[in-house]
Amino acid sequence: MFNWFSLDVIYYPVSAIMWLWYKAFAFVLGPDNFFAWALAVMFLVFTLRAILYKPFVRQIRTTRQMQELQPQIKALQKKYGRIASGWRWRCRSCRRNTASIRSSAVCPCWPRSRCSSGSITC
C-alpha cells in the first residue's frame, strides 16, 4: 500500500524508470540476461543525473553570485557595525539588484517570490 509519509514517493518513480530501462534492454538482450539489469542500473543513473542537471546548475550559479556579493556584505557589516537593521536592509537590496536568492544556494528547488517592483526577493 502506498504511504505518502514514507520514501515511497521517491521509490516508485525511480523503480518505474529502472523497470522501463530493463524492459527496453530485456527486449534486445533477452529477459534472463544479466547485462539487461546491469545496463538498466547504469541508464537509471544517467537518467537521474539528466533530471537533476538543471537544479545543479542553478545551485552553482547562485553560490557564485553569493560569493561575488560577499565583499559588499562584509563592507556593509563593517560600516554599520552593531546596527543590524541598517546593514540587513542594505544586504537585501544588494541581493535584489543581482537577483540572487540565498536559499537557492542550499536548495535549488526553493520557491521564488517577486515583490511589486518585479525583482526576486529572498
PDB file of N, CA and C in Angstrom:
ATOM      1  N   MET A   1       0.830  -1.183   0.000  1.00  0.00           N
ATOM      2  CA  MET A   1       0.000   0.000   0.000  1.00  0.00           C
ATOM      3  C   MET A   1       0.874   1.246   0.000  1.00  0.00           C
ATOM      4  N   PHE A   2       0.476   2.249  -0.743  1.00  0.00           N
ATOM      5  CA  PHE A   2       1.245   3.484  -0.890  1.00  0.00           C
ATOM      6  C   PHE A   2       1.097   4.355   0.343  1.00  0.00           C
ATOM      7  N   ASN A   3       2.206   4.838   0.861  1.00  0.00           N
ATOM      8  CA  ASN A   3       2.205   5.684   2.042  1.00  0.00           C
ATOM      9  C   ASN A   3       2.884   7.005   1.685  1.00  0.00           C
ATOM     10  N   TRP A   4       2.157   8.113   1.790  1.00  0.00           N
ATOM     11  CA  TRP A   4       2.686   9.427   1.436  1.00  0.00           C
ATOM     12  C   TRP A   4       3.751   9.905   2.405  1.00  0.00           C
ATOM     13  N   PHE A   5       3.811   9.352   3.609  1.00  0.00           N
ATOM     14  CA  PHE A   5       4.741   9.830   4.623  1.00  0.00           C
ATOM     15  C   PHE A   5       5.993   8.974   4.706  1.00  0.00           C
ATOM     16  N   SER A   6       6.233   8.174   3.706  1.00  0.00           N
ATOM     17  CA  SER A   6       7.453   7.384   3.652  1.00  0.00           C
ATOM     18  C   SER A   6       8.207   7.768   2.376  1.00  0.00           C
ATOM     19  N   LEU A   7       9.241   7.056   2.098  1.00  0.00           N
ATOM     20  CA  LEU A   7      10.023   7.338   0.895  1.00  0.00           C
ATOM     21  C   LEU A   7       9.440   6.688  -0.351  1.00  0.00           C
ATOM     22  N   ASP A   8       8.227   6.159  -0.248  1.00  0.00           N
ATOM     23  CA  ASP A   8       7.568   5.575  -1.408  1.00  0.00           C
ATOM     24  C   ASP A   8       7.383   6.599  -2.524  1.00  0.00           C
ATOM     25  N   VAL A   9       7.290   7.870  -2.156  1.00  0.00           N
ATOM     26  CA  VAL A   9       7.137   8.934  -3.144  1.00  0.00           C
ATOM     27  C   VAL A   9       8.360   8.964  -4.068  1.00  0.00           C
ATOM     28  N   ILE A  10       9.508   8.573  -3.550  1.00  0.00           N
ATOM     29  CA  ILE A  10      10.729   8.527  -4.356  1.00  0.00           C
ATOM     30  C   ILE A  10      10.930   7.142  -4.958  1.00  0.00           C
ATOM     31  N   TYR A  11      10.647   6.088  -4.184  1.00  0.00           N
ATOM     32  CA  TYR A  11      10.905   4.719  -4.633  1.00  0.00           C
ATOM     33  C   TYR A  11      10.125   4.352  -5.886  1.00  0.00           C
ATOM     34  N   TYR A  12       8.840   4.690  -5.934  1.00  0.00           N
ATOM     35  CA  TYR A  12       8.012   4.276  -7.060  1.00  0.00           C
ATOM     36  C   TYR A  12       8.447   4.911  -8.390  1.00  0.00           C
ATOM     37  N   PRO A  13       8.676   6.224  -8.456  1.00  0.00           N
ATOM     38  CA  PRO A  13       9.142   6.779  -9.740  1.00  0.00           C
ATOM     39  C   PRO A  13      10.519   6.253 -10.164  1.00  0.00           C
ATOM     40  N   VAL A  14      11.437   6.093  -9.196  1.00  0.00           N
ATOM     41  CA  VAL A  14      12.774   5.580  -9.534  1.00  0.00           C
ATOM     42  C   VAL A  14      12.682   4.142 -10.018  1.00  0.00           C
ATOM     43  N   SER A  15      11.888   3.338  -9.338  1.00  0.00           N
ATOM     44  CA  SER A  15      11.756   1.944  -9.779  1.00  0.00           C
ATOM     45  C   SER A  15      11.036   1.853 -11.120  1.00  0.00           C
ATOM     46  N   ALA A  16      10.126   2.787 -11.401  1.00  0.00           N
ATOM     47  CA  ALA A  16       9.452   2.787 -12.700  1.00  0.00           C
ATOM     48  C   ALA A  16      10.443   3.115 -13.821  1.00  0.00           C
ATOM     49  N   ILE A  17      11.332   4.073 -13.570  1.00  0.00           N
ATOM     50  CA  ILE A  17      12.353   4.407 -14.577  1.00  0.00           C
ATOM     51  C   ILE A  17      13.259   3.201 -14.815  1.00  0.00           C
ATOM     52  N   MET A  18      13.669   2.550 -13.725  1.00  0.00           N
ATOM     53  CA  MET A  18      14.551   1.385 -13.872  1.00  0.00           C
ATOM     54  C   MET A  18      13.830   0.243 -14.593  1.00  0.00           C
ATOM     55  N   TRP A  19      12.564   0.052 -14.269  1.00  0.00           N
ATOM     56  CA  TRP A  19      11.783  -1.001 -14.923  1.00  0.00           C
ATOM     57  C   TRP A  19      11.670  -0.729 -16.424  1.00  0.00           C
ATOM     58  N   LEU A  20      11.453   0.531 -16.811  1.00  0.00           N
ATOM     59  CA  LEU A  20      11.362   0.864 -18.239  1.00  0.00           C
ATOM     60  C   LEU A  20      12.684   0.590 -18.955  1.00  0.00           C
ATOM     61  N   TRP A  21      13.807   0.961 -18.317  1.00  0.00           N
ATOM     62  CA  TRP A  21      15.106   0.670 -18.931  1.00  0.00           C
ATOM     63  C   TRP A  21      15.336  -0.833 -19.026  1.00  0.00           C
ATOM     64  N   TYR A  22      14.942  -1.574 -17.966  1.00  0.00           N
ATOM     65  CA  TYR A  22      15.113  -3.029 -18.010  1.00  0.00           C
ATOM     66  C   TYR A  22      14.293  -3.633 -19.151  1.00  0.00           C
ATOM     67  N   LYS A  23      13.048  -3.186 -19.296  1.00  0.00           N
ATOM     68  CA  LYS A  23      12.197  -3.725 -20.365  1.00  0.00           C
ATOM     69  C   LYS A  23      12.798  -3.434 -21.741  1.00  0.00           C
ATOM     70  N   ALA A  24      13.375  -2.245 -21.896  1.00  0.00           N
ATOM     71  CA  ALA A  24      13.986  -1.895 -23.181  1.00  0.00           C
ATOM     72  C   ALA A  24      15.189  -2.792 -23.468  1.00  0.00           C
ATOM     73  N   PHE A  25      16.050  -3.005 -22.464  1.00  0.00           N
ATOM     74  CA  PHE A  25      17.240  -3.832 -22.687  1.00  0.00           C
ATOM     75  C   PHE A  25      16.893  -5.323 -22.710  1.00  0.00           C
ATOM     76  N   ALA A  26      15.876  -5.730 -21.971  1.00  0.00           N
ATOM     77  CA  ALA A  26      15.465  -7.134 -21.990  1.00  0.00           C
ATOM     78  C   ALA A  26      14.860  -7.499 -23.345  1.00  0.00           C
ATOM     79  N   PHE A  27      14.225  -6.546 -24.005  1.00  0.00           N
ATOM     80  CA  PHE A  27      13.672  -6.793 -25.328  1.00  0.00           C
ATOM     81  C   PHE A  27      14.798  -7.102 -26.320  1.00  0.00           C
ATOM     82  N   VAL A  28      15.920  -6.407 -26.163  1.00  0.00           N
ATOM     83  CA  VAL A  28      17.046  -6.595 -27.081  1.00  0.00           C
ATOM     84  C   VAL A  28      17.906  -7.795 -26.680  1.00  0.00           C
ATOM     85  N   LEU A  29      18.243  -7.897 -25.376  1.00  0.00           N
ATOM     86  CA  LEU A  29      19.192  -8.919 -24.913  1.00  0.00           C
ATOM     87  C   LEU A  29      18.547 -10.190 -24.378  1.00  0.00           C
ATOM     88  N   GLY A  30      17.275 -10.154 -24.116  1.00  0.00           N
ATOM     89  CA  GLY A  30      16.592 -11.309 -23.538  1.00  0.00           C
ATOM     90  C   GLY A  30      16.301 -11.056 -22.058  1.00  0.00           C
ATOM     91  N   PRO A  31      15.177 -11.556 -21.566  1.00  0.00           N
ATOM     92  CA  PRO A  31      14.757 -11.246 -20.195  1.00  0.00           C
ATOM     93  C   PRO A  31      15.635 -11.877 -19.112  1.00  0.00           C
ATOM     94  N   ASP A  32      16.348 -12.956 -19.399  1.00  0.00           N
ATOM     95  CA  ASP A  32      17.168 -13.617 -18.388  1.00  0.00           C
ATOM     96  C   ASP A  32      18.625 -13.162 -18.408  1.00  0.00           C
ATOM     97  N   ASN A  33      18.934 -12.201 -19.234  1.00  0.00           N
ATOM     98  CA  ASN A  33      20.308 -11.759 -19.384  1.00  0.00           C
ATOM     99  C   ASN A  33      20.707 -10.818 -18.241  1.00  0.00           C
ATOM    100  N   PHE A  34      21.862 -11.083 -17.645  1.00  0.00           N
ATOM    101  CA  PHE A  34      22.379 -10.248 -16.558  1.00  0.00           C
ATOM    102  C   PHE A  34      22.665  -8.833 -17.051  1.00  0.00           C
ATOM    103  N   PHE A  35      23.144  -8.708 -18.271  1.00  0.00           N
ATOM    104  CA  PHE A  35      23.520  -7.395 -18.793  1.00  0.00           C
ATOM    105  C   PHE A  35      22.317  -6.479 -18.975  1.00  0.00           C
ATOM    106  N   ALA A  36      21.131  -7.052 -19.111  1.00  0.00           N
ATOM    107  CA  ALA A  36      19.929  -6.216 -19.188  1.00  0.00           C
ATOM    108  C   ALA A  36      19.739  -5.457 -17.877  1.00  0.00           C
ATOM    109  N   TRP A  37      19.927  -6.153 -16.751  1.00  0.00           N
ATOM    110  CA  TRP A  37      19.808  -5.491 -15.442  1.00  0.00           C
ATOM    111  C   TRP A  37      20.959  -4.510 -15.213  1.00  0.00           C
ATOM    112  N   ALA A  38      22.164  -4.885 -15.583  1.00  0.00           N
ATOM    113  CA  ALA A  38      23.317  -4.008 -15.386  1.00  0.00           C
ATOM    114  C   ALA A  38      23.154  -2.722 -16.208  1.00  0.00           C
ATOM    115  N   LEU A  39      22.730  -2.857 -17.453  1.00  0.00           N
ATOM    116  CA  LEU A  39      22.515  -1.675 -18.276  1.00  0.00           C
ATOM    117  C   LEU A  39      21.345  -0.841 -17.763  1.00  0.00           C
ATOM    118  N   ALA A  40      20.314  -1.496 -17.218  1.00  0.00           N
ATOM    119  CA  ALA A  40      19.181  -0.759 -16.644  1.00  0.00           C
ATOM    120  C   ALA A  40      19.636   0.098 -15.468  1.00  0.00           C
ATOM    121  N   VAL A  41      20.503  -0.434 -14.617  1.00  0.00           N
ATOM    122  CA  VAL A  41      21.021   0.334 -13.484  1.00  0.00           C
ATOM    123  C   VAL A  41      21.882   1.497 -13.973  1.00  0.00           C
ATOM    124  N   MET A  42      22.734   1.235 -14.958  1.00  0.00           N
ATOM    125  CA  MET A  42      23.580   2.301 -15.496  1.00  0.00           C
ATOM    126  C   MET A  42      22.739   3.425 -16.106  1.00  0.00           C
ATOM    127  N   PHE A  43      21.745   3.077 -16.889  1.00  0.00           N
ATOM    128  CA  PHE A  43      20.926   4.091 -17.532  1.00  0.00           C
ATOM    129  C   PHE A  43      19.971   4.765 -16.555  1.00  0.00           C
ATOM    130  N   LEU A  44      19.641   4.102 -15.449  1.00  0.00           N
ATOM    131  CA  LEU A  44      18.893   4.762 -14.381  1.00  0.00           C
ATOM    132  C   LEU A  44      19.729   5.909 -13.808  1.00  0.00           C
ATOM    133  N   VAL A  45      21.003   5.652 -13.567  1.00  0.00           N
ATOM    134  CA  VAL A  45      21.894   6.698 -13.065  1.00  0.00           C
ATOM    135  C   VAL A  45      22.003   7.838 -14.068  1.00  0.00           C
ATOM    136  N   PHE A  46      22.161   7.527 -15.343  1.00  0.00           N
ATOM    137  CA  PHE A  46      22.245   8.566 -16.366  1.00  0.00           C
ATOM    138  C   PHE A  46      20.964   9.396 -16.416  1.00  0.00           C
ATOM    139  N   THR A  47      19.820   8.729 -16.307  1.00  0.00           N
ATOM    140  CA  THR A  47      18.536   9.428 -16.349  1.00  0.00           C
ATOM    141  C   THR A  47      18.381  10.357 -15.160  1.00  0.00           C
ATOM    142  N   LEU A  48      18.715   9.873 -13.964  1.00  0.00           N
ATOM    143  CA  LEU A  48      18.586  10.712 -12.769  1.00  0.00           C
ATOM    144  C   LEU A  48      19.544  11.896 -12.820  1.00  0.00           C
ATOM    145  N   ARG A  49      20.735  11.683 -13.336  1.00  0.00           N
ATOM    146  CA  ARG A  49      21.671  12.807 -13.478  1.00  0.00           C
ATOM    147  C   ARG A  49      21.152  13.830 -14.477  1.00  0.00           C
ATOM    148  N   ALA A  50      20.541  13.383 -15.539  1.00  0.00           N
ATOM    149  CA  ALA A  50      19.971  14.304 -16.525  1.00  0.00           C
ATOM    150  C   ALA A  50      18.814  15.097 -15.915  1.00  0.00           C
ATOM    151  N   ILE A  51      17.998  14.440 -15.101  1.00  0.00           N
ATOM    152  CA  ILE A  51      16.879  15.125 -14.455  1.00  0.00           C
ATOM    153  C   ILE A  51      17.380  16.168 -13.460  1.00  0.00           C
ATOM    154  N   LEU A  52      18.443  15.865 -12.741  1.00  0.00           N
ATOM    155  CA  LEU A  52      18.964  16.760 -11.701  1.00  0.00           C
ATOM    156  C   LEU A  52      19.979  17.771 -12.222  1.00  0.00           C
ATOM    157  N   TYR A  53      20.241  17.808 -13.508  1.00  0.00           N
ATOM    158  CA  TYR A  53      21.254  18.713 -14.047  1.00  0.00           C
ATOM    159  C   TYR A  53      20.857  20.183 -13.889  1.00  0.00           C
ATOM    160  N   LYS A  54      19.616  20.530 -14.241  1.00  0.00           N
ATOM    161  CA  LYS A  54      19.182  21.924 -14.171  1.00  0.00           C
ATOM    162  C   LYS A  54      19.195  22.463 -12.741  1.00  0.00           C
ATOM    163  N   PRO A  55      18.664  21.748 -11.736  1.00  0.00           N
ATOM    164  CA  PRO A  55      18.790  22.256 -10.361  1.00  0.00           C
ATOM    165  C   PRO A  55      20.242  22.384  -9.905  1.00  0.00           C
ATOM    166  N   PHE A  56      21.113  21.482 -10.367  1.00  0.00           N
ATOM    167  CA  PHE A  56      22.527  21.562 -10.015  1.00  0.00           C
ATOM    168  C   PHE A  56      23.159  22.835 -10.572  1.00  0.00           C
ATOM    169  N   VAL A  57      22.869  23.153 -11.813  1.00  0.00           N
ATOM    170  CA  VAL A  57      23.418  24.353 -12.438  1.00  0.00           C
ATOM    171  C   VAL A  57      22.899  25.601 -11.728  1.00  0.00           C
ATOM    172  N   ARG A  58      21.617  25.619 -11.370  1.00  0.00           N
ATOM    173  CA  ARG A  58      21.044  26.757 -10.649  1.00  0.00           C
ATOM    174  C   ARG A  58      21.715  26.939  -9.289  1.00  0.00           C
ATOM    175  N   GLN A  59      21.990  25.842  -8.607  1.00  0.00           N
ATOM    176  CA  GLN A  59      22.640  25.917  -7.312  1.00  0.00           C
ATOM    177  C   GLN A  59      24.059  26.472  -7.440  1.00  0.00           C
ATOM    178  N   ILE A  60      24.805  26.023  -8.423  1.00  0.00           N
ATOM    179  CA  ILE A  60      26.165  26.516  -8.640  1.00  0.00           C
ATOM    180  C   ILE A  60      26.147  27.998  -8.989  1.00  0.00           C
ATOM    181  N   ARG A  61      25.226  28.403  -9.842  1.00  0.00           N
ATOM    182  CA  ARG A  61      25.127  29.803 -10.247  1.00  0.00           C
ATOM    183  C   ARG A  61      24.812  30.702  -9.045  1.00  0.00           C
ATOM    184  N   THR A  62      23.890  30.286  -8.210  1.00  0.00           N
ATOM    185  CA  THR A  62      23.521  31.088  -7.044  1.00  0.00           C
ATOM    186  C   THR A  62      24.664  31.141  -6.039  1.00  0.00           C
ATOM    187  N   THR A  63      25.379  30.051  -5.873  1.00  0.00           N
ATOM    188  CA  THR A  63      26.527  30.044  -4.973  1.00  0.00           C
ATOM    189  C   THR A  63      27.587  31.022  -5.452  1.00  0.00           C
ATOM    190  N   ARG A  64      27.835  31.070  -6.740  1.00  0.00           N
ATOM    191  CA  ARG A  64      28.809  32.023  -7.290  1.00  0.00           C
ATOM    192  C   ARG A  64      28.350  33.460  -7.084  1.00  0.00           C
ATOM    193  N   GLN A  65      27.057  33.719  -7.267  1.00  0.00           N
ATOM    194  CA  GLN A  65      26.536  35.070  -7.040  1.00  0.00           C
ATOM    195  C   GLN A  65      26.723  35.482  -5.589  1.00  0.00           C
ATOM    196  N   MET A  66      26.473  34.563  -4.682  1.00  0.00           N
ATOM    197  CA  MET A  66      26.649  34.886  -3.263  1.00  0.00           C
ATOM    198  C   MET A  66      28.118  35.127  -2.935  1.00  0.00           C
ATOM    199  N   GLN A  67      29.025  34.413  -3.570  1.00  0.00           N
ATOM    200  CA  GLN A  67      30.451  34.642  -3.354  1.00  0.00           C
ATOM    201  C   GLN A  67      30.878  35.998  -3.895  1.00  0.00           C
ATOM    202  N   GLU A  68      30.285  36.423  -5.000  1.00  0.00           N
ATOM    203  CA  GLU A  68      30.607  37.733  -5.547  1.00  0.00           C
ATOM    204  C   GLU A  68      30.077  38.855  -4.659  1.00  0.00           C
ATOM    205  N   LEU A  69      28.968  38.615  -3.971  1.00  0.00           N
ATOM    206  CA  LEU A  69      28.393  39.619  -3.078  1.00  0.00           C
ATOM    207  C   LEU A  69      29.097  39.691  -1.727  1.00  0.00           C
ATOM    208  N   GLN A  70      29.859  38.701  -1.388  1.00  0.00           N
ATOM    209  CA  GLN A  70      30.461  38.612  -0.058  1.00  0.00           C
ATOM    210  C   GLN A  70      31.290  39.842   0.313  1.00  0.00           C
ATOM    211  N   PRO A  71      32.159  40.385  -0.553  1.00  0.00           N
ATOM    212  CA  PRO A  71      32.908  41.584  -0.163  1.00  0.00           C
ATOM    213  C   PRO A  71      32.015  42.782   0.129  1.00  0.00           C
ATOM    214  N   GLN A  72      30.929  42.949  -0.640  1.00  0.00           N
ATOM    215  CA  GLN A  72      30.000  44.048  -0.393  1.00  0.00           C
ATOM    216  C   GLN A  72      29.303  43.878   0.951  1.00  0.00           C
ATOM    217  N   ILE A  73      28.932  42.654   1.280  1.00  0.00           N
ATOM    218  CA  ILE A  73      28.254  42.392   2.550  1.00  0.00           C
ATOM    219  C   ILE A  73      29.200  42.639   3.711  1.00  0.00           C
ATOM    220  N   LYS A  74      30.454  42.218   3.593  1.00  0.00           N
ATOM    221  CA  LYS A  74      31.449  42.462   4.643  1.00  0.00           C
ATOM    222  C   LYS A  74      31.647  43.962   4.851  1.00  0.00           C
ATOM    223  N   ALA A  75      31.697  44.735   3.750  1.00  0.00           N
ATOM    224  CA  ALA A  75      31.863  46.184   3.863  1.00  0.00           C
ATOM    225  C   ALA A  75      30.663  46.812   4.577  1.00  0.00           C
ATOM    226  N   LEU A  76      29.465  46.327   4.256  1.00  0.00           N
ATOM    227  CA  LEU A  76      28.270  46.849   4.929  1.00  0.00           C
ATOM    228  C   LEU A  76      28.268  46.502   6.418  1.00  0.00           C
ATOM    229  N   GLN A  77      28.706  45.300   6.754  1.00  0.00           N
ATOM    230  CA  GLN A  77      28.786  44.925   8.165  1.00  0.00           C
ATOM    231  C   GLN A  77      29.777  45.811   8.904  1.00  0.00           C
ATOM    232  N   LYS A  78      30.878  46.105   8.246  1.00  0.00           N
ATOM    233  CA  LYS A  78      31.892  46.961   8.870  1.00  0.00           C
ATOM    234  C   LYS A  78      31.371  48.386   9.028  1.00  0.00           C
ATOM    235  N   LYS A  79      30.642  48.861   8.022  1.00  0.00           N
ATOM    236  CA  LYS A  79      30.136  50.240   8.035  1.00  0.00           C
ATOM    237  C   LYS A  79      29.073  50.436   9.107  1.00  0.00           C
ATOM    238  N   TYR A  80      28.135  49.493   9.210  1.00  0.00           N
ATOM    239  CA  TYR A  80      27.012  49.661  10.123  1.00  0.00           C
ATOM    240  C   TYR A  80      27.257  49.062  11.506  1.00  0.00           C
ATOM    241  N   GLY A  81      28.242  48.214  11.643  1.00  0.00           N
ATOM    242  CA  GLY A  81      28.593  47.671  12.948  1.00  0.00           C
ATOM    243  C   GLY A  81      27.448  46.918  13.609  1.00  0.00           C
ATOM    244  N   ARG A  82      27.043  47.399  14.782  1.00  0.00           N
ATOM    245  CA  ARG A  82      26.010  46.708  15.557  1.00  0.00           C
ATOM    246  C   ARG A  82      24.588  47.092  15.161  1.00  0.00           C
ATOM    247  N   ILE A  83      24.417  48.019  14.259  1.00  0.00           N
ATOM    248  CA  ILE A  83      23.081  48.410  13.812  1.00  0.00           C
ATOM    249  C   ILE A  83      22.624  47.382  12.784  1.00  0.00           C
ATOM    250  N   ALA A  84      22.004  46.348  13.282  1.00  0.00           N
ATOM    251  CA  ALA A  84      21.674  45.201  12.425  1.00  0.00           C
ATOM    252  C   ALA A  84      20.647  45.547  11.361  1.00  0.00           C
ATOM    253  N   SER A  85      19.657  46.358  11.719  1.00  0.00           N
ATOM    254  CA  SER A  85      18.593  46.637  10.746  1.00  0.00           C
ATOM    255  C   SER A  85      19.129  47.401   9.538  1.00  0.00           C
ATOM    256  N   GLY A  86      20.119  48.271   9.733  1.00  0.00           N
ATOM    257  CA  GLY A  86      20.678  49.047   8.626  1.00  0.00           C
ATOM    258  C   GLY A  86      21.388  48.185   7.607  1.00  0.00           C
ATOM    259  N   TRP A  87      22.294  47.337   8.059  1.00  0.00           N
ATOM    260  CA  TRP A  87      23.045  46.537   7.083  1.00  0.00           C
ATOM    261  C   TRP A  87      22.242  45.380   6.538  1.00  0.00           C
ATOM    262  N   ARG A  88      21.287  44.862   7.292  1.00  0.00           N
ATOM    263  CA  ARG A  88      20.430  43.802   6.730  1.00  0.00           C
ATOM    264  C   ARG A  88      19.599  44.331   5.572  1.00  0.00           C
ATOM    265  N   TRP A  89      19.072  45.549   5.772  1.00  0.00           N
ATOM    266  CA  TRP A  89      18.270  46.149   4.708  1.00  0.00           C
ATOM    267  C   TRP A  89      19.126  46.377   3.475  1.00  0.00           C
ATOM    268  N   ARG A  90      20.359  46.860   3.654  1.00  0.00           N
ATOM    269  CA  ARG A  90      21.267  47.096   2.525  1.00  0.00           C
ATOM    270  C   ARG A  90      21.653  45.776   1.849  1.00  0.00           C
ATOM    271  N   CYS A  91      21.852  44.714   2.639  1.00  0.00           N
ATOM    272  CA  CYS A  91      22.179  43.404   2.061  1.00  0.00           C
ATOM    273  C   CYS A  91      21.034  42.895   1.193  1.00  0.00           C
ATOM    274  N   ARG A  92      19.812  43.078   1.660  1.00  0.00           N
ATOM    275  CA  ARG A  92      18.662  42.663   0.856  1.00  0.00           C
ATOM    276  C   ARG A  92      18.618  43.413  -0.459  1.00  0.00           C
ATOM    277  N   SER A  93      18.886  44.717  -0.400  1.00  0.00           N
ATOM    278  CA  SER A  93      18.852  45.490  -1.645  1.00  0.00           C
ATOM    279  C   SER A  93      19.980  45.054  -2.579  1.00  0.00           C
ATOM    280  N   CYS A  94      21.156  44.693  -2.045  1.00  0.00           N
ATOM    281  CA  CYS A  94      22.245  44.179  -2.893  1.00  0.00           C
ATOM    282  C   CYS A  94      21.831  42.886  -3.576  1.00  0.00           C
ATOM    283  N   ARG A  95      21.211  41.984  -2.824  1.00  0.00           N
ATOM    284  CA  ARG A  95      20.789  40.709  -3.405  1.00  0.00           C
ATOM    285  C   ARG A  95      19.689  40.914  -4.432  1.00  0.00           C
ATOM    286  N   ARG A  96      18.803  41.865  -4.184  1.00  0.00           N
ATOM    287  CA  ARG A  96      17.754  42.139  -5.169  1.00  0.00           C
ATOM    288  C   ARG A  96      18.349  42.670  -6.461  1.00  0.00           C
ATOM    289  N   ASN A  97      19.373  43.505  -6.336  1.00  0.00           N
ATOM    290  CA  ASN A  97      19.997  44.073  -7.542  1.00  0.00           C
ATOM    291  C   ASN A  97      20.670  42.998  -8.383  1.00  0.00           C
ATOM    292  N   THR A  98      21.205  41.969  -7.748  1.00  0.00           N
ATOM    293  CA  THR A  98      21.850  40.894  -8.503  1.00  0.00           C
ATOM    294  C   THR A  98      20.922  39.718  -8.745  1.00  0.00           C
ATOM    295  N   ALA A  99      19.693  39.785  -8.230  1.00  0.00           N
ATOM    296  CA  ALA A  99      18.681  38.725  -8.389  1.00  0.00           C
ATOM    297  C   ALA A  99      19.175  37.390  -7.868  1.00  0.00           C
ATOM    298  N   SER A 100      19.893  37.408  -6.765  1.00  0.00           N
ATOM    299  CA  SER A 100      20.346  36.154  -6.164  1.00  0.00           C
ATOM    300  C   SER A 100      19.452  35.800  -4.992  1.00  0.00           C
ATOM    301  N   ILE A 101      19.310  34.534  -4.759  1.00  0.00           N
ATOM    302  CA  ILE A 101      18.469  34.034  -3.683  1.00  0.00           C
ATOM    303  C   ILE A 101      19.339  33.195  -2.770  1.00  0.00           C
ATOM    304  N   ARG A 102      19.410  33.586  -1.500  1.00  0.00           N
ATOM    305  CA  ARG A 102      20.263  32.875  -0.560  1.00  0.00           C
ATOM    306  C   ARG A 102      19.902  31.410  -0.455  1.00  0.00           C
ATOM    307  N   SER A 103      18.641  31.113  -0.367  1.00  0.00           N
ATOM    308  CA  SER A 103      18.214  29.733  -0.159  1.00  0.00           C
ATOM    309  C   SER A 103      18.463  28.857  -1.383  1.00  0.00           C
ATOM    310  N   SER A 104      18.582  29.428  -2.566  1.00  0.00           N
ATOM    311  CA  SER A 104      18.845  28.622  -3.761  1.00  0.00           C
ATOM    312  C   SER A 104      20.249  28.067  -3.781  1.00  0.00           C
ATOM    313  N   ALA A 105      21.141  28.671  -3.012  1.00  0.00           N
ATOM    314  CA  ALA A 105      22.491  28.122  -2.921  1.00  0.00           C
ATOM    315  C   ALA A 105      22.483  26.815  -2.147  1.00  0.00           C
ATOM    316  N   VAL A 106      21.509  26.666  -1.255  1.00  0.00           N
ATOM    317  CA  VAL A 106      21.392  25.451  -0.454  1.00  0.00           C
ATOM    318  C   VAL A 106      20.425  24.466  -1.090  1.00  0.00           C
ATOM    319  N   CYS A 107      19.244  24.959  -1.413  1.00  0.00           N
ATOM    320  CA  CYS A 107      18.204  24.109  -2.002  1.00  0.00           C
ATOM    321  C   CYS A 107      17.728  24.758  -3.301  1.00  0.00           C
ATOM    322  N   PRO A 108      18.134  24.249  -4.454  1.00  0.00           N
ATOM    323  CA  PRO A 108      17.805  24.904  -5.710  1.00  0.00           C
ATOM    324  C   PRO A 108      16.323  24.878  -6.062  1.00  0.00           C
ATOM    325  N   CYS A 109      15.547  24.064  -5.397  1.00  0.00           N
ATOM    326  CA  CYS A 109      14.130  23.975  -5.732  1.00  0.00           C
ATOM    327  C   CYS A 109      13.286  24.847  -4.804  1.00  0.00           C
ATOM    328  N   TRP A 110      13.922  25.754  -4.058  1.00  0.00           N
ATOM    329  CA  TRP A 110      13.209  26.637  -3.135  1.00  0.00           C
ATOM    330  C   TRP A 110      12.282  27.547  -3.930  1.00  0.00           C
ATOM    331  N   PRO A 111      11.042  27.744  -3.459  1.00  0.00           N
ATOM    332  CA  PRO A 111      10.112  28.577  -4.226  1.00  0.00           C
ATOM    333  C   PRO A 111      10.576  30.028  -4.284  1.00  0.00           C
ATOM    334  N   ARG A 112      10.368  30.660  -5.411  1.00  0.00           N
ATOM    335  CA  ARG A 112      10.763  32.055  -5.598  1.00  0.00           C
ATOM    336  C   ARG A 112       9.532  32.934  -5.561  1.00  0.00           C
ATOM    337  N   SER A 113       9.690  34.104  -4.991  1.00  0.00           N
ATOM    338  CA  SER A 113       8.592  35.059  -4.983  1.00  0.00           C
ATOM    339  C   SER A 113       9.107  36.381  -5.529  1.00  0.00           C
ATOM    340  N   ARG A 114       8.204  37.219  -5.988  1.00  0.00           N
ATOM    341  CA  ARG A 114       8.583  38.515  -6.554  1.00  0.00           C
ATOM    342  C   ARG A 114       7.858  39.613  -5.795  1.00  0.00           C
ATOM    343  N   CYS A 115       8.549  40.735  -5.601  1.00  0.00           N
ATOM    344  CA  CYS A 115       7.915  41.865  -4.949  1.00  0.00           C
ATOM    345  C   CYS A 115       7.213  42.720  -6.012  1.00  0.00           C
ATOM    346  N   SER A 116       6.625  43.818  -5.604  1.00  0.00           N
ATOM    347  CA  SER A 116       5.831  44.613  -6.534  1.00  0.00           C
ATOM    348  C   SER A 116       6.662  45.232  -7.652  1.00  0.00           C
ATOM    349  N   SER A 117       7.971  45.448  -7.393  1.00  0.00           N
ATOM    350  CA  SER A 117       8.808  46.036  -8.443  1.00  0.00           C
ATOM    351  C   SER A 117       9.267  45.014  -9.475  1.00  0.00           C
ATOM    352  N   GLY A 118       9.004  43.723  -9.218  1.00  0.00           N
ATOM    353  CA  GLY A 118       9.361  42.683 -10.169  1.00  0.00           C
ATOM    354  C   GLY A 118      10.664  42.001  -9.880  1.00  0.00           C
ATOM    355  N   SER A 119      11.401  42.477  -8.872  1.00  0.00           N
ATOM    356  CA  SER A 119      12.671  41.835  -8.553  1.00  0.00           C
ATOM    357  C   SER A 119      12.428  40.626  -7.659  1.00  0.00           C
ATOM    358  N   ILE A 120      13.326  39.691  -7.705  1.00  0.00           N
ATOM    359  CA  ILE A 120      13.197  38.472  -6.926  1.00  0.00           C
ATOM    360  C   ILE A 120      13.579  38.777  -5.486  1.00  0.00           C
ATOM    361  N   THR A 121      12.780  38.280  -4.539  1.00  0.00           N
ATOM    362  CA  THR A 121      13.047  38.528  -3.121  1.00  0.00           C
ATOM    363  C   THR A 121      13.589  37.282  -2.460  1.00  0.00           C
ATOM    364  N   CYS A 122      14.166  37.461  -1.304  1.00  0.00           N
ATOM    365  CA  CYS A 122      14.734  36.338  -0.552  1.00  0.00           C
ATOM    366  C   CYS A 122      13.688  35.675   0.304  1.00  0.00           C
TER     367      CYS A 122
END
